[in-house]
PDB file of N, CA and C in Angstrom:
ATOM      1  N   UNK A   1      51.311 -20.149  47.033  1.00  0.00           N
ATOM      2  CA  UNK A   1      50.553 -19.792  46.095  1.00  0.00           C
ATOM      3  C   UNK A   1      51.867 -20.780  44.742  1.00  0.00           C
ATOM      4  N   UNK A   2      52.669 -21.105  44.918  1.00  0.00           N
ATOM      5  CA  UNK A   2      53.436 -21.826  43.920  1.00  0.00           C
ATOM      6  C   UNK A   2      53.133 -23.396  43.491  1.00  0.00           C
ATOM      7  N   UNK A   3      51.834 -24.018  44.832  1.00  0.00           N
ATOM      8  CA  UNK A   3      51.367 -25.755  44.069  1.00  0.00           C
ATOM      9  C   UNK A   3      50.784 -24.871  43.468  1.00  0.00           C
ATOM     10  N   UNK A   4      50.293 -23.951  43.249  1.00  0.00           N
ATOM     11  CA  UNK A   4      48.547 -23.570  42.281  1.00  0.00           C
ATOM     12  C   UNK A   4      49.147 -23.477  40.677  1.00  0.00           C
ATOM     13  N   UNK A   5      51.256 -23.709  40.827  1.00  0.00           N
ATOM     14  CA  UNK A   5      51.400 -22.812  39.698  1.00  0.00           C
ATOM     15  C   UNK A   5      51.013 -23.857  38.136  1.00  0.00           C
ATOM     16  N   UNK A   6      50.562 -23.250  36.923  1.00  0.00           N
ATOM     17  CA  UNK A   6      50.660 -24.289  36.477  1.00  0.00           C
ATOM     18  C   UNK A   6      50.954 -25.477  35.723  1.00  0.00           C
ATOM     19  N   UNK A   7      52.448 -24.620  35.751  1.00  0.00           N
ATOM     20  CA  UNK A   7      53.969 -26.111  35.239  1.00  0.00           C
ATOM     21  C   UNK A   7      53.059 -27.469  36.794  1.00  0.00           C
ATOM     22  N   UNK A   8      52.950 -27.090  38.335  1.00  0.00           N
ATOM     23  CA  UNK A   8      52.916 -27.967  39.081  1.00  0.00           C
ATOM     24  C   UNK A   8      51.501 -28.918  39.787  1.00  0.00           C
ATOM     25  N   UNK A   9      50.967 -28.098  39.497  1.00  0.00           N
ATOM     26  CA  UNK A   9      49.516 -28.009  40.289  1.00  0.00           C
ATOM     27  C   UNK A   9      47.837 -28.964  38.908  1.00  0.00           C
ATOM     28  N   UNK A  10      47.488 -29.564  39.672  1.00  0.00           N
ATOM     29  CA  UNK A  10      46.479 -30.881  38.669  1.00  0.00           C
ATOM     30  C   UNK A  10      45.528 -29.783  38.142  1.00  0.00           C
ATOM     31  N   UNK A  11      44.988 -28.977  38.857  1.00  0.00           N
ATOM     32  CA  UNK A  11      43.462 -28.394  38.753  1.00  0.00           C
ATOM     33  C   UNK A  11      43.718 -26.830  38.774  1.00  0.00           C
ATOM     34  N   UNK A  12      44.796 -25.855  39.040  1.00  0.00           N
ATOM     35  CA  UNK A  12      44.678 -24.876  39.274  1.00  0.00           C
ATOM     36  C   UNK A  12      43.482 -23.658  39.286  1.00  0.00           C
ATOM     37  N   UNK A  13      42.778 -23.267  38.463  1.00  0.00           N
ATOM     38  CA  UNK A  13      40.918 -23.156  38.584  1.00  0.00           C
ATOM     39  C   UNK A  13      40.648 -23.458  39.416  1.00  0.00           C
ATOM     40  N   UNK A  14      40.796 -24.879  39.425  1.00  0.00           N
ATOM     41  CA  UNK A  14      40.386 -25.263  40.719  1.00  0.00           C
ATOM     42  C   UNK A  14      40.352 -25.631  42.631  1.00  0.00           C
ATOM     43  N   UNK A  15      41.568 -24.987  42.463  1.00  0.00           N
ATOM     44  CA  UNK A  15      42.628 -24.833  43.838  1.00  0.00           C
ATOM     45  C   UNK A  15      43.141 -25.849  43.901  1.00  0.00           C
ATOM     46  N   UNK A  16      43.151 -27.183  43.190  1.00  0.00           N
ATOM     47  CA  UNK A  16      43.565 -28.223  43.988  1.00  0.00           C
ATOM     48  C   UNK A  16      44.910 -29.215  43.184  1.00  0.00           C
ATOM     49  N   UNK A  17      45.869 -28.791  44.032  1.00  0.00           N
ATOM     50  CA  UNK A  17      47.034 -28.743  44.084  1.00  0.00           C
ATOM     51  C   UNK A  17      48.100 -30.555  44.209  1.00  0.00           C
ATOM     52  N   UNK A  18      46.952 -31.397  44.255  1.00  0.00           N
ATOM     53  CA  UNK A  18      47.499 -32.591  43.763  1.00  0.00           C
ATOM     54  C   UNK A  18      45.942 -33.388  44.356  1.00  0.00           C
ATOM     55  N   UNK A  19      45.952 -34.885  43.857  1.00  0.00           N
ATOM     56  CA  UNK A  19      45.714 -36.370  44.329  1.00  0.00           C
ATOM     57  C   UNK A  19      43.783 -36.074  43.858  1.00  0.00           C
ATOM     58  N   UNK A  20      43.668 -35.300  43.313  1.00  0.00           N
ATOM     59  CA  UNK A  20      42.039 -35.076  42.322  1.00  0.00           C
ATOM     60  C   UNK A  20      41.288 -34.056  43.058  1.00  0.00           C
ATOM     61  N   UNK A  21      42.014 -34.453  44.877  1.00  0.00           N
ATOM     62  CA  UNK A  21      40.843 -33.489  45.855  1.00  0.00           C
ATOM     63  C   UNK A  21      41.837 -32.602  47.041  1.00  0.00           C
ATOM     64  N   UNK A  22      42.879 -32.976  46.531  1.00  0.00           N
ATOM     65  CA  UNK A  22      44.074 -31.687  47.483  1.00  0.00           C
ATOM     66  C   UNK A  22      43.922 -30.219  47.295  1.00  0.00           C
ATOM     67  N   UNK A  23      43.247 -29.164  48.345  1.00  0.00           N
ATOM     68  CA  UNK A  23      43.217 -27.521  47.161  1.00  0.00           C
ATOM     69  C   UNK A  23      43.653 -27.025  48.433  1.00  0.00           C
ATOM     70  N   UNK A  24      44.090 -26.390  48.284  1.00  0.00           N
ATOM     71  CA  UNK A  24      45.145 -25.348  48.429  1.00  0.00           C
ATOM     72  C   UNK A  24      44.285 -24.252  49.513  1.00  0.00           C
ATOM     73  N   UNK A  25      42.935 -24.155  49.293  1.00  0.00           N
ATOM     74  CA  UNK A  25      42.140 -23.415  49.605  1.00  0.00           C
ATOM     75  C   UNK A  25      40.417 -24.542  50.031  1.00  0.00           C
ATOM     76  N   UNK A  26      39.644 -23.894  50.026  1.00  0.00           N
ATOM     77  CA  UNK A  26      38.180 -23.768  50.825  1.00  0.00           C
ATOM     78  C   UNK A  26      37.240 -23.730  48.614  1.00  0.00           C
ATOM     79  N   UNK A  27      38.089 -21.989  48.936  1.00  0.00           N
ATOM     80  CA  UNK A  27      37.373 -21.477  47.019  1.00  0.00           C
ATOM     81  C   UNK A  27      38.090 -19.978  46.969  1.00  0.00           C
ATOM     82  N   UNK A  28      38.444 -19.333  46.113  1.00  0.00           N
ATOM     83  CA  UNK A  28      39.192 -18.496  45.949  1.00  0.00           C
ATOM     84  C   UNK A  28      39.274 -17.226  47.353  1.00  0.00           C
ATOM     85  N   UNK A  29      37.953 -17.202  47.602  1.00  0.00           N
ATOM     86  CA  UNK A  29      37.825 -16.055  48.724  1.00  0.00           C
ATOM     87  C   UNK A  29      38.907 -16.666  50.318  1.00  0.00           C
ATOM     88  N   UNK A  30      38.368 -17.716  49.901  1.00  0.00           N
ATOM     89  CA  UNK A  30      39.100 -18.511  51.597  1.00  0.00           C
ATOM     90  C   UNK A  30      40.732 -18.642  50.986  1.00  0.00           C
ATOM     91  N   UNK A  31      41.792 -18.758  49.451  1.00  0.00           N
ATOM     92  CA  UNK A  31      42.212 -18.813  49.078  1.00  0.00           C
ATOM     93  C   UNK A  31      43.210 -17.496  49.425  1.00  0.00           C
ATOM     94  N   UNK A  32      42.079 -15.632  48.854  1.00  0.00           N
ATOM     95  CA  UNK A  32      42.422 -13.918  48.889  1.00  0.00           C
ATOM     96  C   UNK A  32      43.013 -14.233  50.268  1.00  0.00           C
ATOM     97  N   UNK A  33      41.652 -15.397  51.744  1.00  0.00           N
ATOM     98  CA  UNK A  33      42.399 -13.765  52.855  1.00  0.00           C
ATOM     99  C   UNK A  33      43.197 -14.913  53.425  1.00  0.00           C
ATOM    100  N   UNK A  34      43.531 -15.918  52.809  1.00  0.00           N
ATOM    101  CA  UNK A  34      44.683 -16.605  54.286  1.00  0.00           C
ATOM    102  C   UNK A  34      45.766 -15.577  53.242  1.00  0.00           C
ATOM    103  N   UNK A  35      46.195 -15.220  51.352  1.00  0.00           N
ATOM    104  CA  UNK A  35      47.219 -15.010  51.273  1.00  0.00           C
ATOM    105  C   UNK A  35      47.397 -12.731  52.475  1.00  0.00           C
ATOM    106  N   UNK A  36      45.453 -12.509  51.967  1.00  0.00           N
ATOM    107  CA  UNK A  36      45.793 -11.491  52.869  1.00  0.00           C
ATOM    108  C   UNK A  36      46.599 -11.240  54.610  1.00  0.00           C
ATOM    109  N   UNK A  37      46.356 -12.496  55.233  1.00  0.00           N
ATOM    110  CA  UNK A  37      46.417 -12.948  56.712  1.00  0.00           C
ATOM    111  C   UNK A  37      47.553 -12.519  56.519  1.00  0.00           C
ATOM    112  N   UNK A  38      48.407 -13.489  55.864  1.00  0.00           N
ATOM    113  CA  UNK A  38      49.484 -13.933  55.575  1.00  0.00           C
ATOM    114  C   UNK A  38      50.923 -12.659  55.138  1.00  0.00           C
ATOM    115  N   UNK A  39      50.207 -12.533  54.725  1.00  0.00           N
ATOM    116  CA  UNK A  39      50.592 -10.338  53.850  1.00  0.00           C
ATOM    117  C   UNK A  39      51.137  -9.624  55.361  1.00  0.00           C
ATOM    118  N   UNK A  40      49.851  -9.697  55.973  1.00  0.00           N
ATOM    119  CA  UNK A  40      49.496  -8.543  57.464  1.00  0.00           C
ATOM    120  C   UNK A  40      50.373  -9.540  58.602  1.00  0.00           C
ATOM    121  N   UNK A  41      50.129 -10.762  58.301  1.00  0.00           N
ATOM    122  CA  UNK A  41      50.673 -11.671  59.369  1.00  0.00           C
ATOM    123  C   UNK A  41      52.280 -10.433  60.535  1.00  0.00           C
ATOM    124  N   UNK A  42      52.121 -10.235  61.607  1.00  0.00           N
ATOM    125  CA  UNK A  42      53.252  -9.966  62.277  1.00  0.00           C
ATOM    126  C   UNK A  42      54.190 -10.589  62.354  1.00  0.00           C
ATOM    127  N   UNK A  43      55.641 -10.746  63.237  1.00  0.00           N
ATOM    128  CA  UNK A  43      56.221 -11.086  63.384  1.00  0.00           C
ATOM    129  C   UNK A  43      55.840 -12.253  64.866  1.00  0.00           C
ATOM    130  N   UNK A  44      54.786 -12.000  65.868  1.00  0.00           N
ATOM    131  CA  UNK A  44      54.586 -12.517  66.924  1.00  0.00           C
ATOM    132  C   UNK A  44      53.720 -12.862  66.726  1.00  0.00           C
ATOM    133  N   UNK A  45      53.285 -13.503  65.739  1.00  0.00           N
ATOM    134  CA  UNK A  45      51.297 -14.023  65.510  1.00  0.00           C
ATOM    135  C   UNK A  45      51.138 -15.444  65.335  1.00  0.00           C
ATOM    136  N   UNK A  46      50.375 -16.233  64.969  1.00  0.00           N
ATOM    137  CA  UNK A  46      50.474 -17.315  64.224  1.00  0.00           C
ATOM    138  C   UNK A  46      49.362 -17.070  63.412  1.00  0.00           C
ATOM    139  N   UNK A  47      48.894 -17.939  61.776  1.00  0.00           N
ATOM    140  CA  UNK A  47      47.973 -18.172  61.610  1.00  0.00           C
ATOM    141  C   UNK A  47      47.061 -19.096  61.462  1.00  0.00           C
ATOM    142  N   UNK A  48      46.263 -19.669  62.039  1.00  0.00           N
ATOM    143  CA  UNK A  48      45.875 -21.044  61.840  1.00  0.00           C
ATOM    144  C   UNK A  48      44.408 -21.549  60.439  1.00  0.00           C
ATOM    145  N   UNK A  49      44.608 -22.141  59.659  1.00  0.00           N
ATOM    146  CA  UNK A  49      43.741 -22.382  58.754  1.00  0.00           C
ATOM    147  C   UNK A  49      43.489 -23.597  59.342  1.00  0.00           C
ATOM    148  N   UNK A  50      41.934 -23.922  59.517  1.00  0.00           N
ATOM    149  CA  UNK A  50      41.259 -25.077  58.990  1.00  0.00           C
ATOM    150  C   UNK A  50      40.595 -25.181  58.039  1.00  0.00           C
ATOM    151  N   UNK A  51      40.237 -26.383  57.935  1.00  0.00           N
ATOM    152  CA  UNK A  51      39.187 -26.817  56.685  1.00  0.00           C
ATOM    153  C   UNK A  51      39.461 -25.920  56.054  1.00  0.00           C
ATOM    154  N   UNK A  52      40.790 -25.624  55.214  1.00  0.00           N
ATOM    155  CA  UNK A  52      41.442 -25.339  54.188  1.00  0.00           C
ATOM    156  C   UNK A  52      40.778 -23.214  54.183  1.00  0.00           C
ATOM    157  N   UNK A  53      40.967 -22.534  55.444  1.00  0.00           N
ATOM    158  CA  UNK A  53      40.089 -21.517  55.513  1.00  0.00           C
ATOM    159  C   UNK A  53      40.834 -21.074  56.548  1.00  0.00           C
ATOM    160  N   UNK A  54      40.554 -19.826  56.583  1.00  0.00           N
ATOM    161  CA  UNK A  54      41.941 -19.219  57.692  1.00  0.00           C
ATOM    162  C   UNK A  54      40.925 -18.451  58.626  1.00  0.00           C
ATOM    163  N   UNK A  55      40.745 -18.833  59.945  1.00  0.00           N
ATOM    164  CA  UNK A  55      40.406 -18.913  60.827  1.00  0.00           C
ATOM    165  C   UNK A  55      40.474 -18.013  62.494  1.00  0.00           C
ATOM    166  N   UNK A  56      41.750 -17.669  62.035  1.00  0.00           N
ATOM    167  CA  UNK A  56      42.050 -17.184  63.372  1.00  0.00           C
ATOM    168  C   UNK A  56      43.773 -16.825  63.286  1.00  0.00           C
ATOM    169  N   UNK A  57      44.398 -15.446  63.944  1.00  0.00           N
ATOM    170  CA  UNK A  57      45.254 -15.876  63.846  1.00  0.00           C
ATOM    171  C   UNK A  57      45.678 -14.565  65.388  1.00  0.00           C
ATOM    172  N   UNK A  58      46.951 -16.087  65.745  1.00  0.00           N
ATOM    173  CA  UNK A  58      46.361 -15.343  67.968  1.00  0.00           C
ATOM    174  C   UNK A  58      47.719 -14.868  67.654  1.00  0.00           C
ATOM    175  N   UNK A  59      48.291 -13.997  68.688  1.00  0.00           N
ATOM    176  CA  UNK A  59      48.974 -14.094  69.474  1.00  0.00           C
ATOM    177  C   UNK A  59      50.377 -15.226  69.541  1.00  0.00           C
ATOM    178  N   UNK A  60      51.664 -15.263  69.739  1.00  0.00           N
ATOM    179  CA  UNK A  60      52.917 -15.962  69.178  1.00  0.00           C
ATOM    180  C   UNK A  60      54.101 -15.471  69.796  1.00  0.00           C
ATOM    181  N   UNK A  61      55.197 -15.997  69.686  1.00  0.00           N
ATOM    182  CA  UNK A  61      56.475 -15.527  69.858  1.00  0.00           C
ATOM    183  C   UNK A  61      57.396 -15.405  68.015  1.00  0.00           C
ATOM    184  N   UNK A  62      58.102 -15.199  68.327  1.00  0.00           N
ATOM    185  CA  UNK A  62      59.133 -14.817  67.354  1.00  0.00           C
ATOM    186  C   UNK A  62      59.407 -15.955  66.331  1.00  0.00           C
ATOM    187  N   UNK A  63      59.170 -17.238  67.351  1.00  0.00           N
ATOM    188  CA  UNK A  63      60.207 -18.082  66.543  1.00  0.00           C
ATOM    189  C   UNK A  63      58.934 -19.544  66.646  1.00  0.00           C
ATOM    190  N   UNK A  64      57.371 -18.989  67.040  1.00  0.00           N
ATOM    191  CA  UNK A  64      56.285 -19.348  67.039  1.00  0.00           C
ATOM    192  C   UNK A  64      56.649 -20.032  65.154  1.00  0.00           C
ATOM    193  N   UNK A  65      55.950 -21.007  65.018  1.00  0.00           N
ATOM    194  CA  UNK A  65      55.742 -20.894  63.836  1.00  0.00           C
ATOM    195  C   UNK A  65      54.590 -20.697  63.201  1.00  0.00           C
ATOM    196  N   UNK A  66      54.590 -19.962  61.592  1.00  0.00           N
ATOM    197  CA  UNK A  66      53.509 -18.996  61.106  1.00  0.00           C
ATOM    198  C   UNK A  66      52.185 -19.014  60.876  1.00  0.00           C
ATOM    199  N   UNK A  67      52.253 -20.788  60.887  1.00  0.00           N
ATOM    200  CA  UNK A  67      51.178 -21.173  59.951  1.00  0.00           C
ATOM    201  C   UNK A  67      50.524 -22.732  60.860  1.00  0.00           C
ATOM    202  N   UNK A  68      49.525 -22.809  61.783  1.00  0.00           N
ATOM    203  CA  UNK A  68      49.185 -24.127  62.063  1.00  0.00           C
ATOM    204  C   UNK A  68      48.302 -24.245  61.170  1.00  0.00           C
ATOM    205  N   UNK A  69      48.186 -25.581  59.983  1.00  0.00           N
ATOM    206  CA  UNK A  69      47.095 -26.160  59.696  1.00  0.00           C
ATOM    207  C   UNK A  69      46.230 -26.962  59.836  1.00  0.00           C
ATOM    208  N   UNK A  70      44.672 -26.690  60.742  1.00  0.00           N
ATOM    209  CA  UNK A  70      44.718 -27.651  62.092  1.00  0.00           C
ATOM    210  C   UNK A  70      43.284 -28.343  61.336  1.00  0.00           C
ATOM    211  N   UNK A  71      43.586 -30.098  61.771  1.00  0.00           N
ATOM    212  CA  UNK A  71      41.894 -30.886  61.086  1.00  0.00           C
ATOM    213  C   UNK A  71      41.154 -29.959  62.569  1.00  0.00           C
ATOM    214  N   UNK A  72      39.924 -30.545  61.521  1.00  0.00           N
ATOM    215  CA  UNK A  72      38.085 -29.896  62.775  1.00  0.00           C
ATOM    216  C   UNK A  72      38.408 -31.011  64.330  1.00  0.00           C
ATOM    217  N   UNK A  73      39.474 -31.198  64.788  1.00  0.00           N
ATOM    218  CA  UNK A  73      39.114 -31.454  66.164  1.00  0.00           C
ATOM    219  C   UNK A  73      40.062 -30.500  67.304  1.00  0.00           C
ATOM    220  N   UNK A  74      40.706 -30.195  66.322  1.00  0.00           N
ATOM    221  CA  UNK A  74      42.209 -29.314  66.631  1.00  0.00           C
ATOM    222  C   UNK A  74      41.516 -28.332  67.704  1.00  0.00           C
ATOM    223  N   UNK A  75      42.677 -28.409  69.002  1.00  0.00           N
ATOM    224  CA  UNK A  75      41.874 -27.008  70.032  1.00  0.00           C
ATOM    225  C   UNK A  75      42.827 -26.647  70.672  1.00  0.00           C
ATOM    226  N   UNK A  76      43.226 -25.006  71.219  1.00  0.00           N
ATOM    227  CA  UNK A  76      44.198 -24.588  71.142  1.00  0.00           C
ATOM    228  C   UNK A  76      44.865 -24.403  73.376  1.00  0.00           C
ATOM    229  N   UNK A  77      45.639 -25.113  73.204  1.00  0.00           N
ATOM    230  CA  UNK A  77      46.138 -25.356  74.665  1.00  0.00           C
ATOM    231  C   UNK A  77      47.469 -24.668  75.546  1.00  0.00           C
ATOM    232  N   UNK A  78      48.225 -23.543  74.922  1.00  0.00           N
ATOM    233  CA  UNK A  78      49.348 -23.829  74.709  1.00  0.00           C
ATOM    234  C   UNK A  78      50.063 -23.501  75.593  1.00  0.00           C
ATOM    235  N   UNK A  79      50.925 -24.226  75.851  1.00  0.00           N
ATOM    236  CA  UNK A  79      52.594 -23.694  77.332  1.00  0.00           C
ATOM    237  C   UNK A  79      52.193 -21.852  78.265  1.00  0.00           C
ATOM    238  N   UNK A  80      50.748 -20.780  77.553  1.00  0.00           N
ATOM    239  CA  UNK A  80      51.324 -19.855  77.533  1.00  0.00           C
ATOM    240  C   UNK A  80      49.569 -19.445  78.383  1.00  0.00           C
ATOM    241  N   UNK A  81      49.277 -20.611  78.449  1.00  0.00           N
ATOM    242  CA  UNK A  81      47.742 -20.306  79.198  1.00  0.00           C
ATOM    243  C   UNK A  81      46.881 -20.067  77.262  1.00  0.00           C
ATOM    244  N   UNK A  82      47.305 -20.556  76.260  1.00  0.00           N
ATOM    245  CA  UNK A  82      46.739 -19.809  75.515  1.00  0.00           C
ATOM    246  C   UNK A  82      45.530 -20.604  74.895  1.00  0.00           C
ATOM    247  N   UNK A  83      43.890 -20.139  74.377  1.00  0.00           N
ATOM    248  CA  UNK A  83      42.681 -19.802  74.292  1.00  0.00           C
ATOM    249  C   UNK A  83      41.959 -19.658  73.169  1.00  0.00           C
ATOM    250  N   UNK A  84      40.862 -20.043  72.911  1.00  0.00           N
ATOM    251  CA  UNK A  84      40.280 -18.861  71.850  1.00  0.00           C
ATOM    252  C   UNK A  84      40.327 -17.221  71.935  1.00  0.00           C
ATOM    253  N   UNK A  85      40.116 -17.709  73.922  1.00  0.00           N
ATOM    254  CA  UNK A  85      39.925 -15.802  73.871  1.00  0.00           C
ATOM    255  C   UNK A  85      40.678 -15.305  73.841  1.00  0.00           C
ATOM    256  N   UNK A  86      41.926 -15.219  73.173  1.00  0.00           N
ATOM    257  CA  UNK A  86      42.559 -14.200  73.455  1.00  0.00           C
ATOM    258  C   UNK A  86      43.337 -14.057  71.901  1.00  0.00           C
ATOM    259  N   UNK A  87      42.916 -15.099  70.583  1.00  0.00           N
ATOM    260  CA  UNK A  87      42.976 -14.206  69.096  1.00  0.00           C
ATOM    261  C   UNK A  87      41.910 -13.933  69.008  1.00  0.00           C
ATOM    262  N   UNK A  88      43.052 -13.111  67.696  1.00  0.00           N
ATOM    263  CA  UNK A  88      42.080 -12.066  66.586  1.00  0.00           C
ATOM    264  C   UNK A  88      41.247 -12.731  65.797  1.00  0.00           C
ATOM    265  N   UNK A  89      40.127 -13.181  65.131  1.00  0.00           N
ATOM    266  CA  UNK A  89      39.999 -13.100  63.906  1.00  0.00           C
ATOM    267  C   UNK A  89      39.565 -12.518  63.404  1.00  0.00           C
ATOM    268  N   UNK A  90      40.397 -12.423  62.682  1.00  0.00           N
ATOM    269  CA  UNK A  90      40.803 -11.578  60.985  1.00  0.00           C
ATOM    270  C   UNK A  90      39.825 -11.696  59.718  1.00  0.00           C
ATOM    271  N   UNK A  91      39.904 -13.137  59.560  1.00  0.00           N
ATOM    272  CA  UNK A  91      40.016 -13.972  58.469  1.00  0.00           C
ATOM    273  C   UNK A  91      38.546 -13.602  57.730  1.00  0.00           C
TER     274      UNK A  91
END
């Protein structure tokens, strides 16, 4: 949310943080969904954000990243056999 502070964001009302097109979220509904998921994220969960929207929360471990921001071509296949079938879609 710091990136959307009017002192630093380019157009905070439009979620644009930099460069004319660098948005924090797809829209305000997606922004609030990302914030809601972060507020409820467990110590052994990771939030996947893809295309500027919360996509899924999946089980990880305490030292794993809290958030992964991915491009549209990203696919999960972790060392513990992580697949989309064991993600929890809450967003």
